[in-house]
Amino acid sequence: MTAGQRHFIVLDLNHGGLLISSKLVDHGYRVTAVDVYGTLPKEAFSDLPAEVEVVSKPPLPDKNAIIIAPVHLDPSYPVLAKARSQGNTICSHHTITGQILHEKGIFSQAKSCSIKVSV
């Protein structure tokens, strides 16, 4: 990841999105954090850096925005649907968390973790 004018839209603040949003701003990125379910009280946002824009209405992503979403979020959620239709990069909360940890030097020796599931 390269800081600067990159814009991240972080979906679902209930499940790790608050911390992800905060860490991305700490790395110098522009962040829009979306309270997908509209359930978090305003106090939940009090620890976020002022640079994080918090919204509950789904924003329309520009073509360069990177979308961060939990794996369980409905794929028809408007931000995800629009992002797919215009070719935005979409990452899971898990992927971006790994990237942040790697940049911080945490787990820098880890290459990958895979699990084989038999059905």
C-alpha atoms as a PDB file:
ATOM      1  CA  MET A   1       0.000   0.000   0.000  1.00  0.00           C
ATOM      2  CA  THR A   2       1.208   3.463  -0.760  1.00  0.00           C
ATOM      3  CA  ALA A   3      -0.052   6.419   1.259  1.00  0.00           C
ATOM      4  CA  GLY A   4      -1.177   9.626  -0.341  1.00  0.00           C
ATOM      5  CA  GLN A   5      -4.414  10.269  -2.117  1.00  0.00           C
ATOM      6  CA  ARG A   6      -5.635   6.663  -1.939  1.00  0.00           C
ATOM      7  CA  HIS A   7      -9.241   6.580  -0.774  1.00  0.00           C
ATOM      8  CA  PHE A   8     -10.487   3.630   1.233  1.00  0.00           C
ATOM      9  CA  ILE A   9     -14.161   2.989   1.922  1.00  0.00           C
ATOM     10  CA  VAL A  10     -14.418   0.739   4.968  1.00  0.00           C
ATOM     11  CA  LEU A  11     -17.733  -1.092   5.273  1.00  0.00           C
ATOM     12  CA  ASP A  12     -19.183  -2.524   8.502  1.00  0.00           C
ATOM     13  CA  LEU A  13     -17.819  -0.755  11.537  1.00  0.00           C
ATOM     14  CA  ASN A  14     -19.316  -3.297  13.947  1.00  0.00           C
ATOM     15  CA  HIS A  15     -16.864  -6.020  13.007  1.00  0.00           C
ATOM     16  CA  GLY A  16     -13.409  -4.457  13.036  1.00  0.00           C
ATOM     17  CA  GLY A  17     -14.042  -1.555  10.696  1.00  0.00           C
ATOM     18  CA  LEU A  18     -13.440   1.100  13.348  1.00  0.00           C
ATOM     19  CA  LEU A  19      -9.925  -0.125  14.053  1.00  0.00           C
ATOM     20  CA  ILE A  20      -9.175  -0.685  10.359  1.00  0.00           C
ATOM     21  CA  SER A  21     -10.332   2.871   9.560  1.00  0.00           C
ATOM     22  CA  SER A  22      -8.160   4.303  12.310  1.00  0.00           C
ATOM     23  CA  LYS A  23      -5.061   2.389  11.201  1.00  0.00           C
ATOM     24  CA  LEU A  24      -5.515   3.378   7.545  1.00  0.00           C
ATOM     25  CA  VAL A  25      -5.677   7.069   8.504  1.00  0.00           C
ATOM     26  CA  ASP A  26      -2.553   6.549  10.641  1.00  0.00           C
ATOM     27  CA  HIS A  27      -0.847   5.307   7.452  1.00  0.00           C
ATOM     28  CA  GLY A  28      -1.819   8.521   5.634  1.00  0.00           C
ATOM     29  CA  TYR A  29      -4.835   7.340   3.638  1.00  0.00           C
ATOM     30  CA  ARG A  30      -8.160   9.095   3.111  1.00  0.00           C
ATOM     31  CA  VAL A  31     -10.902   6.995   4.731  1.00  0.00           C
ATOM     32  CA  THR A  32     -14.678   6.926   4.586  1.00  0.00           C
ATOM     33  CA  ALA A  33     -16.075   4.595   7.257  1.00  0.00           C
ATOM     34  CA  VAL A  34     -19.596   3.298   6.639  1.00  0.00           C
ATOM     35  CA  ASP A  35     -21.887   2.244   9.485  1.00  0.00           C
ATOM     36  CA  VAL A  36     -23.600  -0.311   7.240  1.00  0.00           C
ATOM     37  CA  TYR A  37     -26.270  -1.299   9.745  1.00  0.00           C
ATOM     38  CA  GLY A  38     -26.760   2.165  11.261  1.00  0.00           C
ATOM     39  CA  THR A  39     -26.588   0.676  14.747  1.00  0.00           C
ATOM     40  CA  LEU A  40     -23.508   2.230  16.316  1.00  0.00           C
ATOM     41  CA  PRO A  41     -24.019   5.097  18.766  1.00  0.00           C
ATOM     42  CA  LYS A  42     -22.086   8.313  18.115  1.00  0.00           C
ATOM     43  CA  GLU A  43     -19.912   7.536  21.151  1.00  0.00           C
ATOM     44  CA  ALA A  44     -18.475   4.577  19.225  1.00  0.00           C
ATOM     45  CA  PHE A  45     -16.793   7.033  16.857  1.00  0.00           C
ATOM     46  CA  SER A  46     -15.225   9.190  19.573  1.00  0.00           C
ATOM     47  CA  ASP A  47     -11.848   7.408  19.424  1.00  0.00           C
ATOM     48  CA  LEU A  48     -11.563   7.695  15.640  1.00  0.00           C
ATOM     49  CA  PRO A  49      -9.131  10.240  14.233  1.00  0.00           C
ATOM     50  CA  ALA A  50     -10.900  13.393  13.027  1.00  0.00           C
ATOM     51  CA  GLU A  51      -9.749  12.618   9.471  1.00  0.00           C
ATOM     52  CA  VAL A  52     -12.070   9.591   9.238  1.00  0.00           C
ATOM     53  CA  GLU A  53     -15.331  10.536   7.535  1.00  0.00           C
ATOM     54  CA  VAL A  54     -18.122   8.467   9.136  1.00  0.00           C
ATOM     55  CA  VAL A  55     -21.356   7.958   7.188  1.00  0.00           C
ATOM     56  CA  SER A  56     -24.356   5.670   7.398  1.00  0.00           C
ATOM     57  CA  LYS A  57     -25.715   6.303   3.898  1.00  0.00           C
ATOM     58  CA  PRO A  58     -23.839   4.143   1.357  1.00  0.00           C
ATOM     59  CA  PRO A  59     -21.509   6.408  -0.649  1.00  0.00           C
ATOM     60  CA  LEU A  60     -21.014   5.883  -4.367  1.00  0.00           C
ATOM     61  CA  PRO A  61     -17.359   4.930  -4.749  1.00  0.00           C
ATOM     62  CA  ASP A  62     -15.241   6.701  -7.315  1.00  0.00           C
ATOM     63  CA  LYS A  63     -13.343   4.451  -9.710  1.00  0.00           C
ATOM     64  CA  ASN A  64     -10.115   4.687  -7.716  1.00  0.00           C
ATOM     65  CA  ALA A  65     -11.537   3.923  -4.267  1.00  0.00           C
ATOM     66  CA  ILE A  66     -10.493   0.703  -2.564  1.00  0.00           C
ATOM     67  CA  ILE A  67     -13.383  -1.009  -0.825  1.00  0.00           C
ATOM     68  CA  ILE A  68     -12.794  -2.886   2.441  1.00  0.00           C
ATOM     69  CA  ALA A  69     -15.647  -5.214   3.383  1.00  0.00           C
ATOM     70  CA  PRO A  70     -16.198  -8.148   5.714  1.00  0.00           C
ATOM     71  CA  VAL A  71     -16.654 -11.483   3.983  1.00  0.00           C
ATOM     72  CA  HIS A  72     -20.187 -11.826   5.371  1.00  0.00           C
ATOM     73  CA  LEU A  73     -21.550  -8.557   3.939  1.00  0.00           C
ATOM     74  CA  ASP A  74     -24.382  -8.999   1.432  1.00  0.00           C
ATOM     75  CA  PRO A  75     -22.794  -8.786  -2.043  1.00  0.00           C
ATOM     76  CA  SER A  76     -25.774  -6.740  -3.236  1.00  0.00           C
ATOM     77  CA  TYR A  77     -24.935  -3.957  -0.749  1.00  0.00           C
ATOM     78  CA  PRO A  78     -24.921  -0.816  -2.979  1.00  0.00           C
ATOM     79  CA  VAL A  79     -21.248   0.097  -2.465  1.00  0.00           C
ATOM     80  CA  LEU A  80     -20.114  -3.444  -3.306  1.00  0.00           C
ATOM     81  CA  ALA A  81     -22.409  -3.728  -6.334  1.00  0.00           C
ATOM     82  CA  LYS A  82     -21.217  -0.386  -7.749  1.00  0.00           C
ATOM     83  CA  ALA A  83     -17.575  -1.206  -7.012  1.00  0.00           C
ATOM     84  CA  ARG A  84     -17.820  -4.540  -8.840  1.00  0.00           C
ATOM     85  CA  SER A  85     -19.526  -2.927 -11.841  1.00  0.00           C
ATOM     86  CA  GLN A  86     -16.767  -0.338 -12.261  1.00  0.00           C
ATOM     87  CA  GLY A  87     -13.815  -2.576 -11.424  1.00  0.00           C
ATOM     88  CA  ASN A  88     -12.773  -1.183  -8.031  1.00  0.00           C
ATOM     89  CA  THR A  89     -10.386  -3.175  -5.877  1.00  0.00           C
ATOM     90  CA  ILE A  90     -12.340  -4.933  -3.115  1.00  0.00           C
ATOM     91  CA  CYS A  91     -10.480  -6.407  -0.130  1.00  0.00           C
ATOM     92  CA  SER A  92     -11.742  -8.278   2.888  1.00  0.00           C
ATOM     93  CA  HIS A  93     -11.251  -7.034   6.428  1.00  0.00           C
ATOM     94  CA  HIS A  94      -8.922 -10.024   6.872  1.00  0.00           C
ATOM     95  CA  THR A  95      -6.726  -9.096   3.903  1.00  0.00           C
ATOM     96  CA  ILE A  96      -6.310  -5.440   4.852  1.00  0.00           C
ATOM     97  CA  THR A  97      -5.614  -6.360   8.485  1.00  0.00           C
ATOM     98  CA  GLY A  98      -2.824  -8.666   7.316  1.00  0.00           C
ATOM     99  CA  GLN A  99      -1.436  -5.891   5.118  1.00  0.00           C
ATOM    100  CA  ILE A 100      -1.458  -3.403   8.016  1.00  0.00           C
ATOM    101  CA  LEU A 101       0.252  -5.899  10.331  1.00  0.00           C
ATOM    102  CA  HIS A 102       2.866  -6.620   7.666  1.00  0.00           C
ATOM    103  CA  GLU A 103       3.612  -2.904   7.178  1.00  0.00           C
ATOM    104  CA  LYS A 104       3.988  -2.471  10.936  1.00  0.00           C
ATOM    105  CA  GLY A 105       6.530  -5.308  10.969  1.00  0.00           C
ATOM    106  CA  ILE A 106       4.209  -7.602  12.869  1.00  0.00           C
ATOM    107  CA  PHE A 107       4.149 -11.088  11.355  1.00  0.00           C
ATOM    108  CA  SER A 108       6.751  -9.924   8.840  1.00  0.00           C
ATOM    109  CA  GLN A 109       8.107 -13.454   8.616  1.00  0.00           C
ATOM    110  CA  ALA A 110       4.716 -15.023   7.885  1.00  0.00           C
ATOM    111  CA  LYS A 111       4.241 -15.831   4.218  1.00  0.00           C
ATOM    112  CA  SER A 112       0.787 -17.366   4.205  1.00  0.00           C
ATOM    113  CA  CYS A 113      -1.627 -19.460   6.119  1.00  0.00           C
ATOM    114  CA  SER A 114      -3.804 -21.961   4.345  1.00  0.00           C
ATOM    115  CA  ILE A 115      -6.327 -24.485   5.485  1.00  0.00           C
ATOM    116  CA  LYS A 116      -7.494 -27.410   3.420  1.00  0.00           C
ATOM    117  CA  VAL A 117     -11.166 -28.187   3.868  1.00  0.00           C
ATOM    118  CA  SER A 118     -12.644 -31.439   2.633  1.00  0.00           C
ATOM    119  CA  VAL A 119     -16.322 -31.550   1.880  1.00  0.00           C
END
